[in-house]
Amino acid sequence: MSDEKDRLGDKFRDVEAARESEWARKHDQELLEKLRARVKVTLKCPVCQRPLAERVVGGIAMLACPKGDGAWLDSHALESLVKSRK
């Protein structure tokens, strides 16, 4: 009987820890969203000076010039593109 109580207590502690972790994750996400909203950095095309637009093409995220002067990728997106072309 005491072994069952110990296992039940362990389960309760596990559930409580999971709830706390989920709360912390949600709280961190909310804080990050607030910071991103406050610090809005707009990158501009070096050719036409228009703000770059976020685009997803073929599952690869990029920043692209609205006039078509070019597109800019981060290193992970570039690696994905190179791997998909091989």
PDB file of N, CA and C in Angstrom:
ATOM      1  N   MET A   1       0.823  -1.202   0.000  1.00  0.00           N
ATOM      2  CA  MET A   1       0.000   0.000   0.000  1.00  0.00           C
ATOM      3  C   MET A   1       0.865   1.263   0.000  1.00  0.00           C
ATOM      4  N   SER A   2       1.938   1.258   0.795  1.00  0.00           N
ATOM      5  CA  SER A   2       2.778   2.455   0.842  1.00  0.00           C
ATOM      6  C   SER A   2       3.492   2.669  -0.485  1.00  0.00           C
ATOM      7  N   ASP A   3       3.796   1.560  -1.198  1.00  0.00           N
ATOM      8  CA  ASP A   3       4.430   1.683  -2.500  1.00  0.00           C
ATOM      9  C   ASP A   3       3.497   2.376  -3.483  1.00  0.00           C
ATOM     10  N   GLU A   4       2.200   2.069  -3.404  1.00  0.00           N
ATOM     11  CA  GLU A   4       1.217   2.717  -4.274  1.00  0.00           C
ATOM     12  C   GLU A   4       1.126   4.204  -3.975  1.00  0.00           C
ATOM     13  N   LYS A   5       1.172   4.573  -2.687  1.00  0.00           N
ATOM     14  CA  LYS A   5       1.122   5.981  -2.312  1.00  0.00           C
ATOM     15  C   LYS A   5       2.350   6.719  -2.836  1.00  0.00           C
ATOM     16  N   ASP A   6       3.515   6.061  -2.762  1.00  0.00           N
ATOM     17  CA  ASP A   6       4.729   6.695  -3.261  1.00  0.00           C
ATOM     18  C   ASP A   6       4.634   6.940  -4.767  1.00  0.00           C
ATOM     19  N   ARG A   7       4.135   5.953  -5.513  1.00  0.00           N
ATOM     20  CA  ARG A   7       4.004   6.115  -6.949  1.00  0.00           C
ATOM     21  C   ARG A   7       2.978   7.180  -7.292  1.00  0.00           C
ATOM     22  N   LEU A   8       1.888   7.244  -6.528  1.00  0.00           N
ATOM     23  CA  LEU A   8       0.872   8.258  -6.763  1.00  0.00           C
ATOM     24  C   LEU A   8       1.433   9.649  -6.479  1.00  0.00           C
ATOM     25  N   GLY A   9       2.196   9.757  -5.412  1.00  0.00           N
ATOM     26  CA  GLY A   9       2.836  11.036  -5.094  1.00  0.00           C
ATOM     27  C   GLY A   9       3.802  11.467  -6.182  1.00  0.00           C
ATOM     28  N   ASP A  10       4.545  10.497  -6.721  1.00  0.00           N
ATOM     29  CA  ASP A  10       5.463  10.799  -7.826  1.00  0.00           C
ATOM     30  C   ASP A  10       4.699  11.295  -9.046  1.00  0.00           C
ATOM     31  N   LYS A  11       3.562  10.667  -9.332  1.00  0.00           N
ATOM     32  CA  LYS A  11       2.739  11.088 -10.477  1.00  0.00           C
ATOM     33  C   LYS A  11       2.248  12.515 -10.281  1.00  0.00           C
ATOM     34  N   PHE A  12       1.775  12.830  -9.064  1.00  0.00           N
ATOM     35  CA  PHE A  12       1.295  14.186  -8.787  1.00  0.00           C
ATOM     36  C   PHE A  12       2.413  15.209  -8.968  1.00  0.00           C
ATOM     37  N   ARG A  13       3.617  14.878  -8.493  1.00  0.00           N
ATOM     38  CA  ARG A  13       4.748  15.800  -8.649  1.00  0.00           C
ATOM     39  C   ARG A  13       5.114  15.966 -10.128  1.00  0.00           C
ATOM     40  N   ASP A  14       5.048  14.870 -10.885  1.00  0.00           N
ATOM     41  CA  ASP A  14       5.336  14.952 -12.318  1.00  0.00           C
ATOM     42  C   ASP A  14       4.326  15.839 -13.038  1.00  0.00           C
ATOM     43  N   VAL A  15       3.047  15.684 -12.698  1.00  0.00           N
ATOM     44  CA  VAL A  15       2.000  16.499 -13.320  1.00  0.00           C
ATOM     45  C   VAL A  15       2.190  17.970 -12.954  1.00  0.00           C
ATOM     46  N   GLU A  16       2.505  18.234 -11.712  1.00  0.00           N
ATOM     47  CA  GLU A  16       2.723  19.614 -11.278  1.00  0.00           C
ATOM     48  C   GLU A  16       3.922  20.230 -11.996  1.00  0.00           C
ATOM     49  N   ALA A  17       4.999  19.473 -12.131  1.00  0.00           N
ATOM     50  CA  ALA A  17       6.187  19.975 -12.832  1.00  0.00           C
ATOM     51  C   ALA A  17       5.868  20.249 -14.303  1.00  0.00           C
ATOM     52  N   ALA A  18       5.077  19.381 -14.921  1.00  0.00           N
ATOM     53  CA  ALA A  18       4.702  19.580 -16.325  1.00  0.00           C
ATOM     54  C   ALA A  18       3.850  20.835 -16.480  1.00  0.00           C
ATOM     55  N   ARG A  19       2.930  21.059 -15.562  1.00  0.00           N
ATOM     56  CA  ARG A  19       2.092  22.263 -15.623  1.00  0.00           C
ATOM     57  C   ARG A  19       2.929  23.522 -15.459  1.00  0.00           C
ATOM     58  N   GLU A  20       3.876  23.483 -14.525  1.00  0.00           N
ATOM     59  CA  GLU A  20       4.745  24.638 -14.324  1.00  0.00           C
ATOM     60  C   GLU A  20       5.597  24.908 -15.562  1.00  0.00           C
ATOM     61  N   SER A  21       6.099  23.860 -16.176  1.00  0.00           N
ATOM     62  CA  SER A  21       6.901  24.025 -17.392  1.00  0.00           C
ATOM     63  C   SER A  21       6.064  24.617 -18.518  1.00  0.00           C
ATOM     64  N   GLU A  22       4.842  24.152 -18.662  1.00  0.00           N
ATOM     65  CA  GLU A  22       3.954  24.668 -19.710  1.00  0.00           C
ATOM     66  C   GLU A  22       3.631  26.138 -19.454  1.00  0.00           C
ATOM     67  N   TRP A  23       3.378  26.495 -18.203  1.00  0.00           N
ATOM     68  CA  TRP A  23       3.097  27.887 -17.864  1.00  0.00           C
ATOM     69  C   TRP A  23       4.313  28.756 -18.196  1.00  0.00           C
ATOM     70  N   ALA A  24       5.510  28.288 -17.828  1.00  0.00           N
ATOM     71  CA  ALA A  24       6.726  29.058 -18.085  1.00  0.00           C
ATOM     72  C   ALA A  24       6.950  29.231 -19.585  1.00  0.00           C
ATOM     73  N   ARG A  25       6.694  28.184 -20.373  1.00  0.00           N
ATOM     74  CA  ARG A  25       6.858  28.265 -21.819  1.00  0.00           C
ATOM     75  C   ARG A  25       5.902  29.299 -22.412  1.00  0.00           C
ATOM     76  N   LYS A  26       4.639  29.267 -21.981  1.00  0.00           N
ATOM     77  CA  LYS A  26       3.647  30.230 -22.480  1.00  0.00           C
ATOM     78  C   LYS A  26       4.023  31.654 -22.069  1.00  0.00           C
ATOM     79  N   HIS A  27       4.465  31.806 -20.830  1.00  0.00           N
ATOM     80  CA  HIS A  27       4.851  33.129 -20.331  1.00  0.00           C
ATOM     81  C   HIS A  27       6.046  33.665 -21.127  1.00  0.00           C
ATOM     82  N   ASP A  28       7.038  32.827 -21.373  1.00  0.00           N
ATOM     83  CA  ASP A  28       8.197  33.247 -22.168  1.00  0.00           C
ATOM     84  C   ASP A  28       7.781  33.630 -23.581  1.00  0.00           C
ATOM     85  N   GLN A  29       6.875  32.865 -24.176  1.00  0.00           N
ATOM     86  CA  GLN A  29       6.399  33.158 -25.532  1.00  0.00           C
ATOM     87  C   GLN A  29       5.696  34.515 -25.576  1.00  0.00           C
ATOM     88  N   GLU A  30       4.865  34.797 -24.569  1.00  0.00           N
ATOM     89  CA  GLU A  30       4.173  36.091 -24.514  1.00  0.00           C
ATOM     90  C   GLU A  30       5.172  37.243 -24.398  1.00  0.00           C
ATOM     91  N   LEU A  31       6.193  37.060 -23.559  1.00  0.00           N
ATOM     92  CA  LEU A  31       7.205  38.105 -23.400  1.00  0.00           C
ATOM     93  C   LEU A  31       7.967  38.336 -24.702  1.00  0.00           C
ATOM     94  N   LEU A  32       8.317  37.246 -25.399  1.00  0.00           N
ATOM     95  CA  LEU A  32       9.012  37.388 -26.676  1.00  0.00           C
ATOM     96  C   LEU A  32       8.151  38.112 -27.707  1.00  0.00           C
ATOM     97  N   GLU A  33       6.869  37.806 -27.746  1.00  0.00           N
ATOM     98  CA  GLU A  33       5.968  38.480 -28.684  1.00  0.00           C
ATOM     99  C   GLU A  33       5.869  39.967 -28.387  1.00  0.00           C
ATOM    100  N   LYS A  34       5.817  40.323 -27.095  1.00  0.00           N
ATOM    101  CA  LYS A  34       5.771  41.736 -26.723  1.00  0.00           C
ATOM    102  C   LYS A  34       7.049  42.453 -27.137  1.00  0.00           C
ATOM    103  N   LEU A  35       8.200  41.803 -26.920  1.00  0.00           N
ATOM    104  CA  LEU A  35       9.474  42.406 -27.314  1.00  0.00           C
ATOM    105  C   LEU A  35       9.566  42.576 -28.826  1.00  0.00           C
ATOM    106  N   ARG A  36       9.136  41.569 -29.566  1.00  0.00           N
ATOM    107  CA  ARG A  36       9.178  41.660 -31.025  1.00  0.00           C
ATOM    108  C   ARG A  36       8.278  42.784 -31.531  1.00  0.00           C
ATOM    109  N   ALA A  37       7.131  42.957 -30.893  1.00  0.00           N
ATOM    110  CA  ALA A  37       6.214  44.016 -31.308  1.00  0.00           C
ATOM    111  C   ALA A  37       6.819  45.397 -31.020  1.00  0.00           C
ATOM    112  N   ARG A  38       7.551  45.489 -29.935  1.00  0.00           N
ATOM    113  CA  ARG A  38       8.136  46.769 -29.552  1.00  0.00           C
ATOM    114  C   ARG A  38       9.353  47.117 -30.417  1.00  0.00           C
ATOM    115  N   VAL A  39      10.153  46.113 -30.738  1.00  0.00           N
ATOM    116  CA  VAL A  39      11.369  46.327 -31.513  1.00  0.00           C
ATOM    117  C   VAL A  39      11.135  45.769 -32.907  1.00  0.00           C
ATOM    118  N   LYS A  40      10.498  46.544 -33.736  1.00  0.00           N
ATOM    119  CA  LYS A  40      10.172  46.132 -35.103  1.00  0.00           C
ATOM    120  C   LYS A  40      11.264  46.660 -36.027  1.00  0.00           C
ATOM    121  N   VAL A  41      12.126  45.778 -36.483  1.00  0.00           N
ATOM    122  CA  VAL A  41      13.209  46.149 -37.379  1.00  0.00           C
ATOM    123  C   VAL A  41      12.773  45.826 -38.807  1.00  0.00           C
ATOM    124  N   THR A  42      12.847  46.806 -39.664  1.00  0.00           N
ATOM    125  CA  THR A  42      12.474  46.608 -41.054  1.00  0.00           C
ATOM    126  C   THR A  42      13.726  46.663 -41.910  1.00  0.00           C
ATOM    127  N   LEU A  43      14.022  45.559 -42.568  1.00  0.00           N
ATOM    128  CA  LEU A  43      15.162  45.516 -43.467  1.00  0.00           C
ATOM    129  C   LEU A  43      14.726  46.031 -44.835  1.00  0.00           C
ATOM    130  N   LYS A  44      15.616  46.761 -45.475  1.00  0.00           N
ATOM    131  CA  LYS A  44      15.297  47.342 -46.782  1.00  0.00           C
ATOM    132  C   LYS A  44      16.162  46.724 -47.864  1.00  0.00           C
ATOM    133  N   CYS A  45      15.615  46.688 -49.049  1.00  0.00           N
ATOM    134  CA  CYS A  45      16.340  46.201 -50.220  1.00  0.00           C
ATOM    135  C   CYS A  45      17.493  47.166 -50.499  1.00  0.00           C
ATOM    136  N   PRO A  46      18.703  46.660 -50.708  1.00  0.00           N
ATOM    137  CA  PRO A  46      19.823  47.550 -50.984  1.00  0.00           C
ATOM    138  C   PRO A  46      19.735  48.216 -52.360  1.00  0.00           C
ATOM    139  N   VAL A  47      18.892  47.692 -53.248  1.00  0.00           N
ATOM    140  CA  VAL A  47      18.771  48.260 -54.590  1.00  0.00           C
ATOM    141  C   VAL A  47      17.713  49.363 -54.629  1.00  0.00           C
ATOM    142  N   CYS A  48      16.463  49.046 -54.204  1.00  0.00           N
ATOM    143  CA  CYS A  48      15.367  50.012 -54.346  1.00  0.00           C
ATOM    144  C   CYS A  48      14.947  50.675 -53.027  1.00  0.00           C
ATOM    145  N   GLN A  49      15.500  50.227 -51.922  1.00  0.00           N
ATOM    146  CA  GLN A  49      15.223  50.773 -50.588  1.00  0.00           C
ATOM    147  C   GLN A  49      13.800  50.521 -50.092  1.00  0.00           C
ATOM    148  N   ARG A  50      13.078  49.638 -50.710  1.00  0.00           N
ATOM    149  CA  ARG A  50      11.743  49.269 -50.211  1.00  0.00           C
ATOM    150  C   ARG A  50      11.900  48.222 -49.117  1.00  0.00           C
ATOM    151  N   PRO A  51      10.952  48.171 -48.162  1.00  0.00           N
ATOM    152  CA  PRO A  51      11.032  47.147 -47.117  1.00  0.00           C
ATOM    153  C   PRO A  51      10.907  45.741 -47.709  1.00  0.00           C
ATOM    154  N   LEU A  52      11.752  44.829 -47.222  1.00  0.00           N
ATOM    155  CA  LEU A  52      11.697  43.448 -47.680  1.00  0.00           C
ATOM    156  C   LEU A  52      10.467  42.761 -47.110  1.00  0.00           C
ATOM    157  N   ALA A  53       9.880  41.873 -47.887  1.00  0.00           N
ATOM    158  CA  ALA A  53       8.681  41.144 -47.471  1.00  0.00           C
ATOM    159  C   ALA A  53       9.055  39.689 -47.178  1.00  0.00           C
ATOM    160  N   GLU A  54       8.438  39.137 -46.140  1.00  0.00           N
ATOM    161  CA  GLU A  54       8.664  37.730 -45.831  1.00  0.00           C
ATOM    162  C   GLU A  54       7.893  36.874 -46.822  1.00  0.00           C
ATOM    163  N   ARG A  55       8.552  35.842 -47.344  1.00  0.00           N
ATOM    164  CA  ARG A  55       7.925  34.920 -48.286  1.00  0.00           C
ATOM    165  C   ARG A  55       8.370  33.510 -47.972  1.00  0.00           C
ATOM    166  N   VAL A  56       7.517  32.564 -48.286  1.00  0.00           N
ATOM    167  CA  VAL A  56       7.853  31.150 -48.183  1.00  0.00           C
ATOM    168  C   VAL A  56       7.635  30.538 -49.558  1.00  0.00           C
ATOM    169  N   VAL A  57       8.712  30.028 -50.127  1.00  0.00           N
ATOM    170  CA  VAL A  57       8.647  29.416 -51.451  1.00  0.00           C
ATOM    171  C   VAL A  57       9.218  28.007 -51.346  1.00  0.00           C
ATOM    172  N   GLY A  58       8.406  27.031 -51.682  1.00  0.00           N
ATOM    173  CA  GLY A  58       8.868  25.644 -51.613  1.00  0.00           C
ATOM    174  C   GLY A  58       9.259  25.217 -50.214  1.00  0.00           C
ATOM    175  N   GLY A  59       8.612  25.790 -49.208  1.00  0.00           N
ATOM    176  CA  GLY A  59       8.914  25.448 -47.822  1.00  0.00           C
ATOM    177  C   GLY A  59      10.133  26.151 -47.263  1.00  0.00           C
ATOM    178  N   ILE A  60      10.713  27.079 -48.009  1.00  0.00           N
ATOM    179  CA  ILE A  60      11.897  27.813 -47.562  1.00  0.00           C
ATOM    180  C   ILE A  60      11.513  29.267 -47.328  1.00  0.00           C
ATOM    181  N   ALA A  61      11.753  29.737 -46.098  1.00  0.00           N
ATOM    182  CA  ALA A  61      11.416  31.110 -45.724  1.00  0.00           C
ATOM    183  C   ALA A  61      12.544  32.045 -46.150  1.00  0.00           C
ATOM    184  N   MET A  62      12.149  33.207 -46.644  1.00  0.00           N
ATOM    185  CA  MET A  62      13.136  34.185 -47.096  1.00  0.00           C
ATOM    186  C   MET A  62      12.572  35.594 -46.982  1.00  0.00           C
ATOM    187  N   LEU A  63      13.439  36.573 -47.136  1.00  0.00           N
ATOM    188  CA  LEU A  63      13.048  37.967 -47.265  1.00  0.00           C
ATOM    189  C   LEU A  63      13.266  38.328 -48.724  1.00  0.00           C
ATOM    190  N   ALA A  64      12.240  38.902 -49.353  1.00  0.00           N
ATOM    191  CA  ALA A  64      12.329  39.196 -50.782  1.00  0.00           C
ATOM    192  C   ALA A  64      11.958  40.642 -51.056  1.00  0.00           C
ATOM    193  N   CYS A  65      12.590  41.194 -52.077  1.00  0.00           N
ATOM    194  CA  CYS A  65      12.275  42.537 -52.541  1.00  0.00           C
ATOM    195  C   CYS A  65      10.914  42.505 -53.225  1.00  0.00           C
ATOM    196  N   PRO A  66      10.024  43.443 -52.915  1.00  0.00           N
ATOM    197  CA  PRO A  66       8.707  43.450 -53.561  1.00  0.00           C
ATOM    198  C   PRO A  66       8.782  43.750 -55.063  1.00  0.00           C
ATOM    199  N   LYS A  67       9.851  44.398 -55.521  1.00  0.00           N
ATOM    200  CA  LYS A  67      10.014  44.677 -56.948  1.00  0.00           C
ATOM    201  C   LYS A  67      10.723  43.554 -57.686  1.00  0.00           C
ATOM    202  N   GLY A  68      11.240  42.579 -56.942  1.00  0.00           N
ATOM    203  CA  GLY A  68      11.931  41.460 -57.571  1.00  0.00           C
ATOM    204  C   GLY A  68      13.426  41.682 -57.762  1.00  0.00           C
ATOM    205  N   ASP A  69      14.006  42.599 -56.996  1.00  0.00           N
ATOM    206  CA  ASP A  69      15.442  42.868 -57.117  1.00  0.00           C
ATOM    207  C   ASP A  69      16.312  41.822 -56.435  1.00  0.00           C
ATOM    208  N   GLY A  70      15.721  40.909 -55.683  1.00  0.00           N
ATOM    209  CA  GLY A  70      16.515  39.856 -55.044  1.00  0.00           C
ATOM    210  C   GLY A  70      15.811  39.265 -53.846  1.00  0.00           C
ATOM    211  N   ALA A  71      16.426  38.233 -53.298  1.00  0.00           N
ATOM    212  CA  ALA A  71      15.905  37.571 -52.100  1.00  0.00           C
ATOM    213  C   ALA A  71      17.081  37.247 -51.189  1.00  0.00           C
ATOM    214  N   TRP A  72      16.831  37.243 -49.890  1.00  0.00           N
ATOM    215  CA  TRP A  72      17.866  37.001 -48.915  1.00  0.00           C
ATOM    216  C   TRP A  72      17.438  35.873 -48.010  1.00  0.00           C
ATOM    217  N   LEU A  73      18.362  34.921 -47.789  1.00  0.00           N
ATOM    218  CA  LEU A  73      18.102  33.729 -46.994  1.00  0.00           C
ATOM    219  C   LEU A  73      19.034  33.698 -45.791  1.00  0.00           C
ATOM    220  N   ASP A  74      18.573  33.068 -44.709  1.00  0.00           N
ATOM    221  CA  ASP A  74      19.499  32.822 -43.609  1.00  0.00           C
ATOM    222  C   ASP A  74      20.270  31.536 -43.924  1.00  0.00           C
ATOM    223  N   SER A  75      21.259  31.210 -43.120  1.00  0.00           N
ATOM    224  CA  SER A  75      22.135  30.077 -43.436  1.00  0.00           C
ATOM    225  C   SER A  75      21.387  28.746 -43.465  1.00  0.00           C
ATOM    226  N   HIS A  76      20.411  28.560 -42.565  1.00  0.00           N
ATOM    227  CA  HIS A  76      19.656  27.303 -42.532  1.00  0.00           C
ATOM    228  C   HIS A  76      18.815  27.140 -43.796  1.00  0.00           C
ATOM    229  N   ALA A  77      18.187  28.208 -44.234  1.00  0.00           N
ATOM    230  CA  ALA A  77      17.375  28.149 -45.453  1.00  0.00           C
ATOM    231  C   ALA A  77      18.261  27.888 -46.665  1.00  0.00           C
ATOM    232  N   LEU A  78      19.430  28.490 -46.701  1.00  0.00           N
ATOM    233  CA  LEU A  78      20.344  28.278 -47.814  1.00  0.00           C
ATOM    234  C   LEU A  78      20.817  26.827 -47.861  1.00  0.00           C
ATOM    235  N   GLU A  79      21.154  26.260 -46.703  1.00  0.00           N
ATOM    236  CA  GLU A  79      21.565  24.859 -46.644  1.00  0.00           C
ATOM    237  C   GLU A  79      20.433  23.947 -47.117  1.00  0.00           C
ATOM    238  N   SER A  80      19.210  24.232 -46.710  1.00  0.00           N
ATOM    239  CA  SER A  80      18.057  23.433 -47.157  1.00  0.00           C
ATOM    240  C   SER A  80      17.886  23.512 -48.653  1.00  0.00           C
ATOM    241  N   LEU A  81      18.064  24.696 -49.200  1.00  0.00           N
ATOM    242  CA  LEU A  81      17.921  24.879 -50.645  1.00  0.00           C
ATOM    243  C   LEU A  81      19.000  24.111 -51.396  1.00  0.00           C
ATOM    244  N   VAL A  82      20.231  24.171 -50.935  1.00  0.00           N
ATOM    245  CA  VAL A  82      21.319  23.454 -51.590  1.00  0.00           C
ATOM    246  C   VAL A  82      21.092  21.948 -51.522  1.00  0.00           C
ATOM    247  N   LYS A  83      20.667  21.443 -50.359  1.00  0.00           N
ATOM    248  CA  LYS A  83      20.414  20.005 -50.209  1.00  0.00           C
ATOM    249  C   LYS A  83      19.283  19.547 -51.122  1.00  0.00           C
ATOM    250  N   SER A  84      18.236  20.373 -51.263  1.00  0.00           N
ATOM    251  CA  SER A  84      17.105  19.982 -52.099  1.00  0.00           C
ATOM    252  C   SER A  84      17.462  19.982 -53.579  1.00  0.00           C
ATOM    253  N   ARG A  85      18.484  20.735 -53.979  1.00  0.00           N
ATOM    254  CA  ARG A  85      18.873  20.815 -55.385  1.00  0.00           C
ATOM    255  C   ARG A  85      19.830  19.699 -55.794  1.00  0.00           C
ATOM    256  N   LYS A  86      20.410  18.991 -54.823  1.00  0.00           N
ATOM    257  CA  LYS A  86      21.370  17.921 -55.153  1.00  0.00           C
ATOM    258  C   LYS A  86      20.675  16.662 -55.558  1.00  0.00           C
TER     259      LYS A  86
END
